[in-house]
């Protein structure tokens, strides 16, 4: 618990330093933000004190858009909502402040909230990704928090809430990460195409897999065992990108 607190203090020291260098903030605003940082640290330490950790992240991407959802165990989900509400109260009179909507519904014991922010016309790529508004869905349970954004991500968040309540912990490794490169490359190409992306997609199309990679951590006596599995497609895609970059350089440059 002491190590967690020290680590959080170190990580957020950069935030405090950045605040000190911001000329546009008043002393009162700096104090408010630092107070919120302290609450985040306290919540993180309280969560570590529970003696367990559980979180999940999912990113789905294709040509039609992407969805991101995150869920985690916290010591007090109500404190997460309280911090968000305090942020909303502090910024409500600021120009261009997001629109916060709290306690708009419940799903399976989780209270739903929504944050909406207009995306400026000048932000072309962001508008292609999110539309004219960025919508961030927040869920807070008794000892859980969820975050989601992207097209139809609120329904994906509900799926994560349901899966998190299943008693399957014994069937899961300590940690795992799985990725397929092809959908992400196609999504990136739909936002802004370039020759390197096209070369990587072409290589993956001809590969035996879609650019798959996995990392799995399992418990062993007095430690953990990590397994890394990198598919042939990823290596071929990286090679294609390097080759395309070299071809684009002037003769004699590498």
C-alpha atoms as a PDB file:
ATOM      1  CA  UNK A   1       0.000   0.000   0.000  1.00  0.00           C
ATOM      2  CA  UNK A   2       2.884   2.351   0.825  1.00  0.00           C
ATOM      3  CA  UNK A   3       4.511   1.553  -2.525  1.00  0.00           C
ATOM      4  CA  UNK A   4       1.245   2.267  -4.343  1.00  0.00           C
ATOM      5  CA  UNK A   5       0.908   5.645  -2.663  1.00  0.00           C
ATOM      6  CA  UNK A   6       4.519   6.547  -3.460  1.00  0.00           C
ATOM      7  CA  UNK A   7       4.084   5.441  -7.073  1.00  0.00           C
ATOM      8  CA  UNK A   8       0.905   7.490  -7.489  1.00  0.00           C
ATOM      9  CA  UNK A   9       2.555  10.552  -5.963  1.00  0.00           C
ATOM     10  CA  UNK A  10       5.471  10.196  -8.378  1.00  0.00           C
ATOM     11  CA  UNK A  11       3.221   9.717 -11.405  1.00  0.00           C
ATOM     12  CA  UNK A  12       1.031  12.702 -10.581  1.00  0.00           C
ATOM     13  CA  UNK A  13       3.955  14.958  -9.651  1.00  0.00           C
ATOM     14  CA  UNK A  14       4.192  15.761 -13.356  1.00  0.00           C
ATOM     15  CA  UNK A  15       0.584  16.977 -13.267  1.00  0.00           C
ATOM     16  CA  UNK A  16       1.325  19.260 -10.347  1.00  0.00           C
ATOM     17  CA  UNK A  17       4.445  20.576 -12.093  1.00  0.00           C
ATOM     18  CA  UNK A  18       2.453  21.296 -15.250  1.00  0.00           C
ATOM     19  CA  UNK A  19      -0.122  23.185 -13.194  1.00  0.00           C
ATOM     20  CA  UNK A  20       2.576  25.400 -11.698  1.00  0.00           C
ATOM     21  CA  UNK A  21       3.746  26.376 -15.193  1.00  0.00           C
ATOM     22  CA  UNK A  22       0.269  27.284 -16.488  1.00  0.00           C
ATOM     23  CA  UNK A  23       0.001  31.066 -16.548  1.00  0.00           C
ATOM     24  CA  UNK A  24      -3.727  30.995 -17.345  1.00  0.00           C
ATOM     25  CA  UNK A  25      -4.724  29.397 -14.026  1.00  0.00           C
ATOM     26  CA  UNK A  26      -5.522  31.307 -10.867  1.00  0.00           C
ATOM     27  CA  UNK A  27      -4.233  30.189  -7.474  1.00  0.00           C
ATOM     28  CA  UNK A  28      -7.755  29.086  -6.610  1.00  0.00           C
ATOM     29  CA  UNK A  29      -7.979  26.932  -9.743  1.00  0.00           C
ATOM     30  CA  UNK A  30      -4.617  25.322  -8.999  1.00  0.00           C
ATOM     31  CA  UNK A  31      -5.761  24.539  -5.469  1.00  0.00           C
ATOM     32  CA  UNK A  32      -8.975  22.979  -6.789  1.00  0.00           C
ATOM     33  CA  UNK A  33      -7.134  20.746  -9.257  1.00  0.00           C
ATOM     34  CA  UNK A  34      -4.554  19.695  -6.681  1.00  0.00           C
ATOM     35  CA  UNK A  35      -7.367  18.789  -4.292  1.00  0.00           C
ATOM     36  CA  UNK A  36      -8.892  16.546  -6.980  1.00  0.00           C
ATOM     37  CA  UNK A  37      -5.491  14.951  -7.612  1.00  0.00           C
ATOM     38  CA  UNK A  38      -5.254  14.188  -3.894  1.00  0.00           C
ATOM     39  CA  UNK A  39      -8.658  12.493  -4.011  1.00  0.00           C
ATOM     40  CA  UNK A  40      -7.574  10.353  -6.980  1.00  0.00           C
ATOM     41  CA  UNK A  41      -4.457   9.289  -5.063  1.00  0.00           C
ATOM     42  CA  UNK A  42      -6.494   8.484  -1.960  1.00  0.00           C
ATOM     43  CA  UNK A  43      -8.981   6.398  -3.971  1.00  0.00           C
ATOM     44  CA  UNK A  44      -6.145   4.496  -5.674  1.00  0.00           C
ATOM     45  CA  UNK A  45      -4.490   3.740  -2.343  1.00  0.00           C
ATOM     46  CA  UNK A  46      -7.809   2.637  -0.824  1.00  0.00           C
ATOM     47  CA  UNK A  47      -8.362   0.339  -3.814  1.00  0.00           C
ATOM     48  CA  UNK A  48      -4.889  -1.191  -3.410  1.00  0.00           C
ATOM     49  CA  UNK A  49      -5.625  -1.674   0.302  1.00  0.00           C
ATOM     50  CA  UNK A  50      -8.476  -4.024  -0.643  1.00  0.00           C
ATOM     51  CA  UNK A  51      -5.800  -6.542  -1.653  1.00  0.00           C
ATOM     52  CA  UNK A  52      -7.109  -7.303  -5.132  1.00  0.00           C
ATOM     53  CA  UNK A  53      -7.088  -5.916  -8.644  1.00  0.00           C
ATOM     54  CA  UNK A  54      -9.431  -6.528 -11.564  1.00  0.00           C
ATOM     55  CA  UNK A  55      -9.705  -4.566 -14.802  1.00  0.00           C
ATOM     56  CA  UNK A  56     -10.456  -5.036 -18.465  1.00  0.00           C
ATOM     57  CA  UNK A  57     -10.021  -2.989 -21.639  1.00  0.00           C
ATOM     58  CA  UNK A  58     -11.494  -3.613 -25.089  1.00  0.00           C
ATOM     59  CA  UNK A  59     -10.917  -1.703 -28.331  1.00  0.00           C
ATOM     60  CA  UNK A  60     -12.828  -2.705 -31.460  1.00  0.00           C
ATOM     61  CA  UNK A  61     -12.027  -1.050 -34.783  1.00  0.00           C
ATOM     62  CA  UNK A  62     -13.250  -1.354 -38.362  1.00  0.00           C
ATOM     63  CA  UNK A  63     -13.992   0.896 -41.333  1.00  0.00           C
ATOM     64  CA  UNK A  64     -17.219   2.136 -39.711  1.00  0.00           C
ATOM     65  CA  UNK A  65     -15.541   3.431 -36.559  1.00  0.00           C
ATOM     66  CA  UNK A  66     -14.250   2.161 -33.269  1.00  0.00           C
ATOM     67  CA  UNK A  67     -15.460   1.457 -29.762  1.00  0.00           C
ATOM     68  CA  UNK A  68     -13.420   1.661 -26.568  1.00  0.00           C
ATOM     69  CA  UNK A  69     -14.528   0.392 -23.170  1.00  0.00           C
ATOM     70  CA  UNK A  70     -12.723   0.116 -19.836  1.00  0.00           C
ATOM     71  CA  UNK A  71     -13.805  -1.353 -16.516  1.00  0.00           C
ATOM     72  CA  UNK A  72     -12.041  -1.665 -13.177  1.00  0.00           C
ATOM     73  CA  UNK A  73     -12.488  -2.558  -9.536  1.00  0.00           C
ATOM     74  CA  UNK A  74     -12.267   0.431  -7.172  1.00  0.00           C
ATOM     75  CA  UNK A  75     -12.706   0.673  -3.433  1.00  0.00           C
ATOM     76  CA  UNK A  76     -15.590   3.151  -3.767  1.00  0.00           C
ATOM     77  CA  UNK A  77     -17.451   3.702  -7.027  1.00  0.00           C
ATOM     78  CA  UNK A  78     -19.486   6.485  -5.441  1.00  0.00           C
ATOM     79  CA  UNK A  79     -16.269   8.447  -4.899  1.00  0.00           C
ATOM     80  CA  UNK A  80     -15.563   8.218  -8.648  1.00  0.00           C
ATOM     81  CA  UNK A  81     -18.975   9.753  -9.337  1.00  0.00           C
ATOM     82  CA  UNK A  82     -18.392  12.398  -6.670  1.00  0.00           C
ATOM     83  CA  UNK A  83     -15.054  13.417  -8.229  1.00  0.00           C
ATOM     84  CA  UNK A  84     -16.680  13.672 -11.674  1.00  0.00           C
ATOM     85  CA  UNK A  85     -19.504  15.798 -10.268  1.00  0.00           C
ATOM     86  CA  UNK A  86     -17.047  18.132  -8.588  1.00  0.00           C
ATOM     87  CA  UNK A  87     -15.146  18.538 -11.867  1.00  0.00           C
ATOM     88  CA  UNK A  88     -18.433  19.363 -13.605  1.00  0.00           C
ATOM     89  CA  UNK A  89     -19.270  22.007 -11.003  1.00  0.00           C
ATOM     90  CA  UNK A  90     -15.843  23.627 -11.333  1.00  0.00           C
ATOM     91  CA  UNK A  91     -15.913  23.939 -15.150  1.00  0.00           C
ATOM     92  CA  UNK A  92     -19.610  24.590 -15.834  1.00  0.00           C
ATOM     93  CA  UNK A  93     -19.053  28.328 -16.425  1.00  0.00           C
ATOM     94  CA  UNK A  94     -15.925  27.909 -18.547  1.00  0.00           C
ATOM     95  CA  UNK A  95     -16.201  28.647 -22.297  1.00  0.00           C
ATOM     96  CA  UNK A  96     -16.628  25.432 -24.292  1.00  0.00           C
ATOM     97  CA  UNK A  97     -17.023  23.290 -21.169  1.00  0.00           C
ATOM     98  CA  UNK A  98     -18.392  19.769 -21.715  1.00  0.00           C
ATOM     99  CA  UNK A  99     -22.000  19.002 -20.849  1.00  0.00           C
ATOM    100  CA  UNK A 100     -22.215  16.618 -17.870  1.00  0.00           C
ATOM    101  CA  UNK A 101     -25.319  14.502 -17.305  1.00  0.00           C
ATOM    102  CA  UNK A 102     -25.306  12.488 -14.083  1.00  0.00           C
ATOM    103  CA  UNK A 103     -27.514   9.661 -12.810  1.00  0.00           C
ATOM    104  CA  UNK A 104     -29.312   9.282 -16.150  1.00  0.00           C
ATOM    105  CA  UNK A 105     -30.059   5.598 -15.621  1.00  0.00           C
ATOM    106  CA  UNK A 106     -29.046   2.311 -14.042  1.00  0.00           C
ATOM    107  CA  UNK A 107     -27.925  -0.997 -15.488  1.00  0.00           C
ATOM    108  CA  UNK A 108     -27.318  -4.119 -13.428  1.00  0.00           C
ATOM    109  CA  UNK A 109     -26.434  -2.116 -10.320  1.00  0.00           C
ATOM    110  CA  UNK A 110     -24.291   0.430 -12.168  1.00  0.00           C
ATOM    111  CA  UNK A 111     -25.329   4.103 -12.350  1.00  0.00           C
ATOM    112  CA  UNK A 112     -24.892   5.686 -15.775  1.00  0.00           C
ATOM    113  CA  UNK A 113     -23.501   9.150 -16.541  1.00  0.00           C
ATOM    114  CA  UNK A 114     -22.686  10.950 -19.798  1.00  0.00           C
ATOM    115  CA  UNK A 115     -20.213  13.649 -20.806  1.00  0.00           C
ATOM    116  CA  UNK A 116     -20.696  15.394 -24.170  1.00  0.00           C
ATOM    117  CA  UNK A 117     -18.276  17.839 -25.793  1.00  0.00           C
ATOM    118  CA  UNK A 118     -18.545  19.642 -29.137  1.00  0.00           C
ATOM    119  CA  UNK A 119     -15.716  18.942 -31.567  1.00  0.00           C
ATOM    120  CA  UNK A 120     -14.575  22.102 -33.428  1.00  0.00           C
ATOM    121  CA  UNK A 121     -15.024  22.235 -37.195  1.00  0.00           C
ATOM    122  CA  UNK A 122     -11.252  22.610 -37.563  1.00  0.00           C
ATOM    123  CA  UNK A 123     -10.641  19.139 -36.066  1.00  0.00           C
ATOM    124  CA  UNK A 124     -11.282  17.137 -39.244  1.00  0.00           C
ATOM    125  CA  UNK A 125      -9.785  13.834 -38.099  1.00  0.00           C
ATOM    126  CA  UNK A 126     -11.563  13.955 -34.733  1.00  0.00           C
ATOM    127  CA  UNK A 127     -14.866  14.655 -36.474  1.00  0.00           C
ATOM    128  CA  UNK A 128     -14.334  11.686 -38.789  1.00  0.00           C
ATOM    129  CA  UNK A 129     -13.712   9.545 -35.715  1.00  0.00           C
ATOM    130  CA  UNK A 130     -16.479  10.773 -33.396  1.00  0.00           C
ATOM    131  CA  UNK A 131     -18.821  13.020 -35.390  1.00  0.00           C
ATOM    132  CA  UNK A 132     -19.639  16.552 -34.278  1.00  0.00           C
ATOM    133  CA  UNK A 133     -19.771  15.502 -30.606  1.00  0.00           C
ATOM    134  CA  UNK A 134     -17.565  13.376 -28.395  1.00  0.00           C
ATOM    135  CA  UNK A 135     -19.698  11.275 -26.050  1.00  0.00           C
ATOM    136  CA  UNK A 136     -18.048   9.639 -23.064  1.00  0.00           C
ATOM    137  CA  UNK A 137     -20.133   7.161 -21.065  1.00  0.00           C
ATOM    138  CA  UNK A 138     -19.256   6.637 -17.389  1.00  0.00           C
ATOM    139  CA  UNK A 139     -20.630   3.916 -15.140  1.00  0.00           C
ATOM    140  CA  UNK A 140     -20.167   3.743 -11.376  1.00  0.00           C
ATOM    141  CA  UNK A 141     -21.097   0.789  -9.193  1.00  0.00           C
ATOM    142  CA  UNK A 142     -20.587   0.078  -5.507  1.00  0.00           C
ATOM    143  CA  UNK A 143     -16.997  -1.024  -6.137  1.00  0.00           C
ATOM    144  CA  UNK A 144     -16.553  -0.544  -9.852  1.00  0.00           C
ATOM    145  CA  UNK A 145     -16.145   2.067 -12.541  1.00  0.00           C
ATOM    146  CA  UNK A 146     -16.576   1.904 -16.309  1.00  0.00           C
ATOM    147  CA  UNK A 147     -15.656   4.219 -19.181  1.00  0.00           C
ATOM    148  CA  UNK A 148     -16.650   4.005 -22.844  1.00  0.00           C
ATOM    149  CA  UNK A 149     -16.576   6.108 -25.992  1.00  0.00           C
ATOM    150  CA  UNK A 150     -17.113   5.542 -29.680  1.00  0.00           C
ATOM    151  CA  UNK A 151     -20.122   4.577 -31.787  1.00  0.00           C
ATOM    152  CA  UNK A 152     -22.627   2.462 -29.806  1.00  0.00           C
ATOM    153  CA  UNK A 153     -20.039   2.057 -27.031  1.00  0.00           C
ATOM    154  CA  UNK A 154     -22.682   2.317 -24.297  1.00  0.00           C
ATOM    155  CA  UNK A 155     -24.058  -1.086 -25.309  1.00  0.00           C
ATOM    156  CA  UNK A 156     -20.540  -2.517 -25.324  1.00  0.00           C
ATOM    157  CA  UNK A 157     -20.059  -1.148 -21.809  1.00  0.00           C
ATOM    158  CA  UNK A 158     -23.186  -3.001 -20.692  1.00  0.00           C
ATOM    159  CA  UNK A 159     -21.717  -6.228 -22.084  1.00  0.00           C
ATOM    160  CA  UNK A 160     -18.571  -5.594 -20.044  1.00  0.00           C
ATOM    161  CA  UNK A 161     -20.671  -4.994 -16.915  1.00  0.00           C
ATOM    162  CA  UNK A 162     -22.446  -8.312 -17.460  1.00  0.00           C
ATOM    163  CA  UNK A 163     -19.213 -10.229 -18.089  1.00  0.00           C
ATOM    164  CA  UNK A 164     -17.561  -8.706 -15.018  1.00  0.00           C
ATOM    165  CA  UNK A 165     -20.261 -10.132 -12.766  1.00  0.00           C
ATOM    166  CA  UNK A 166     -19.729 -13.711 -13.901  1.00  0.00           C
ATOM    167  CA  UNK A 167     -17.827 -15.911 -11.459  1.00  0.00           C
ATOM    168  CA  UNK A 168     -15.081 -16.919 -13.897  1.00  0.00           C
ATOM    169  CA  UNK A 169     -11.979 -15.531 -12.156  1.00  0.00           C
ATOM    170  CA  UNK A 170     -10.596 -19.024 -11.574  1.00  0.00           C
ATOM    171  CA  UNK A 171     -10.680 -19.685 -15.323  1.00  0.00           C
ATOM    172  CA  UNK A 172      -8.710 -16.568 -16.231  1.00  0.00           C
ATOM    173  CA  UNK A 173      -4.932 -16.055 -16.171  1.00  0.00           C
ATOM    174  CA  UNK A 174      -3.463 -13.304 -14.001  1.00  0.00           C
ATOM    175  CA  UNK A 175      -3.289 -11.026 -17.061  1.00  0.00           C
ATOM    176  CA  UNK A 176      -3.771 -11.335 -20.785  1.00  0.00           C
ATOM    177  CA  UNK A 177      -3.675  -9.089 -23.834  1.00  0.00           C
ATOM    178  CA  UNK A 178      -4.766 -10.035 -27.334  1.00  0.00           C
ATOM    179  CA  UNK A 179      -4.590  -7.913 -30.471  1.00  0.00           C
ATOM    180  CA  UNK A 180      -5.411  -8.274 -34.154  1.00  0.00           C
ATOM    181  CA  UNK A 181      -3.675  -5.676 -36.312  1.00  0.00           C
ATOM    182  CA  UNK A 182      -5.778  -5.772 -39.519  1.00  0.00           C
ATOM    183  CA  UNK A 183      -8.966  -4.049 -38.199  1.00  0.00           C
ATOM    184  CA  UNK A 184      -6.931  -1.224 -36.660  1.00  0.00           C
ATOM    185  CA  UNK A 185      -4.975  -0.644 -39.870  1.00  0.00           C
ATOM    186  CA  UNK A 186      -8.174  -0.556 -41.923  1.00  0.00           C
ATOM    187  CA  UNK A 187      -9.687   1.923 -39.490  1.00  0.00           C
ATOM    188  CA  UNK A 188      -6.580   4.129 -39.616  1.00  0.00           C
ATOM    189  CA  UNK A 189      -6.694   3.999 -43.417  1.00  0.00           C
ATOM    190  CA  UNK A 190     -10.350   5.096 -43.392  1.00  0.00           C
ATOM    191  CA  UNK A 191      -9.341   8.194 -41.379  1.00  0.00           C
ATOM    192  CA  UNK A 192      -6.243   9.126 -43.393  1.00  0.00           C
ATOM    193  CA  UNK A 193      -4.636   6.756 -45.870  1.00  0.00           C
ATOM    194  CA  UNK A 194      -0.946   6.609 -46.762  1.00  0.00           C
ATOM    195  CA  UNK A 195       1.370   4.279 -48.699  1.00  0.00           C
ATOM    196  CA  UNK A 196       2.829   2.621 -45.594  1.00  0.00           C
ATOM    197  CA  UNK A 197      -0.640   1.680 -44.304  1.00  0.00           C
ATOM    198  CA  UNK A 198      -1.623   0.324 -47.711  1.00  0.00           C
ATOM    199  CA  UNK A 199       1.549  -1.791 -47.836  1.00  0.00           C
ATOM    200  CA  UNK A 200       0.907  -3.222 -44.368  1.00  0.00           C
ATOM    201  CA  UNK A 201      -2.718  -4.053 -45.188  1.00  0.00           C
ATOM    202  CA  UNK A 202      -1.647  -5.733 -48.431  1.00  0.00           C
ATOM    203  CA  UNK A 203       0.927  -7.806 -46.548  1.00  0.00           C
ATOM    204  CA  UNK A 204      -1.639  -8.880 -43.948  1.00  0.00           C
ATOM    205  CA  UNK A 205      -4.133  -9.816 -46.654  1.00  0.00           C
ATOM    206  CA  UNK A 206      -1.598 -12.317 -47.979  1.00  0.00           C
ATOM    207  CA  UNK A 207      -0.488 -13.561 -44.565  1.00  0.00           C
ATOM    208  CA  UNK A 208      -1.846 -16.678 -42.778  1.00  0.00           C
ATOM    209  CA  UNK A 209      -3.316 -14.510 -39.986  1.00  0.00           C
ATOM    210  CA  UNK A 210      -4.667 -10.986 -39.515  1.00  0.00           C
ATOM    211  CA  UNK A 211      -1.657  -9.791 -37.573  1.00  0.00           C
ATOM    212  CA  UNK A 212      -2.389 -11.491 -34.274  1.00  0.00           C
ATOM    213  CA  UNK A 213      -0.413 -11.097 -31.049  1.00  0.00           C
ATOM    214  CA  UNK A 214      -1.053 -12.275 -27.503  1.00  0.00           C
ATOM    215  CA  UNK A 215       0.601 -11.920 -24.102  1.00  0.00           C
ATOM    216  CA  UNK A 216      -0.492 -14.143 -21.215  1.00  0.00           C
ATOM    217  CA  UNK A 217       0.709 -14.038 -17.592  1.00  0.00           C
ATOM    218  CA  UNK A 218       0.036 -17.032 -15.343  1.00  0.00           C
ATOM    219  CA  UNK A 219       0.793 -17.709 -11.694  1.00  0.00           C
ATOM    220  CA  UNK A 220       3.537 -20.141 -10.781  1.00  0.00           C
ATOM    221  CA  UNK A 221       5.106 -20.917  -7.411  1.00  0.00           C
ATOM    222  CA  UNK A 222       6.776 -17.749  -6.094  1.00  0.00           C
ATOM    223  CA  UNK A 223       6.283 -15.870  -9.370  1.00  0.00           C
ATOM    224  CA  UNK A 224       4.617 -15.509 -12.753  1.00  0.00           C
ATOM    225  CA  UNK A 225       5.162 -17.015 -16.182  1.00  0.00           C
ATOM    226  CA  UNK A 226       4.774 -14.842 -19.305  1.00  0.00           C
ATOM    227  CA  UNK A 227       4.053 -16.173 -22.782  1.00  0.00           C
ATOM    228  CA  UNK A 228       4.395 -14.038 -25.929  1.00  0.00           C
ATOM    229  CA  UNK A 229       2.899 -15.139 -29.244  1.00  0.00           C
ATOM    230  CA  UNK A 230       3.520 -12.925 -32.292  1.00  0.00           C
ATOM    231  CA  UNK A 231       1.835 -14.004 -35.516  1.00  0.00           C
ATOM    232  CA  UNK A 232       3.620 -14.151 -38.848  1.00  0.00           C
ATOM    233  CA  UNK A 233       1.343 -11.424 -40.207  1.00  0.00           C
ATOM    234  CA  UNK A 234       2.720  -8.771 -37.830  1.00  0.00           C
ATOM    235  CA  UNK A 235       6.284  -9.480 -38.928  1.00  0.00           C
ATOM    236  CA  UNK A 236       5.262  -9.318 -42.593  1.00  0.00           C
ATOM    237  CA  UNK A 237       3.365  -6.047 -42.045  1.00  0.00           C
ATOM    238  CA  UNK A 238       6.329  -4.444 -40.292  1.00  0.00           C
ATOM    239  CA  UNK A 239       8.618  -5.577 -43.099  1.00  0.00           C
ATOM    240  CA  UNK A 240       6.255  -4.128 -45.706  1.00  0.00           C
ATOM    241  CA  UNK A 241       6.127  -0.784 -43.897  1.00  0.00           C
ATOM    242  CA  UNK A 242       9.930  -0.603 -43.670  1.00  0.00           C
ATOM    243  CA  UNK A 243      10.286  -1.472 -47.347  1.00  0.00           C
ATOM    244  CA  UNK A 244       7.716   1.159 -48.342  1.00  0.00           C
ATOM    245  CA  UNK A 245       9.503   3.800 -46.250  1.00  0.00           C
ATOM    246  CA  UNK A 246      12.844   2.957 -47.851  1.00  0.00           C
ATOM    247  CA  UNK A 247      11.352   3.183 -51.336  1.00  0.00           C
ATOM    248  CA  UNK A 248       9.976   6.633 -50.548  1.00  0.00           C
ATOM    249  CA  UNK A 249      13.415   7.972 -49.560  1.00  0.00           C
ATOM    250  CA  UNK A 250      15.587   9.740 -52.116  1.00  0.00           C
ATOM    251  CA  UNK A 251      18.258   7.561 -53.736  1.00  0.00           C
ATOM    252  CA  UNK A 252      21.205   6.943 -51.449  1.00  0.00           C
ATOM    253  CA  UNK A 253      19.347   7.647 -48.177  1.00  0.00           C
ATOM    254  CA  UNK A 254      18.433   4.957 -45.652  1.00  0.00           C
END
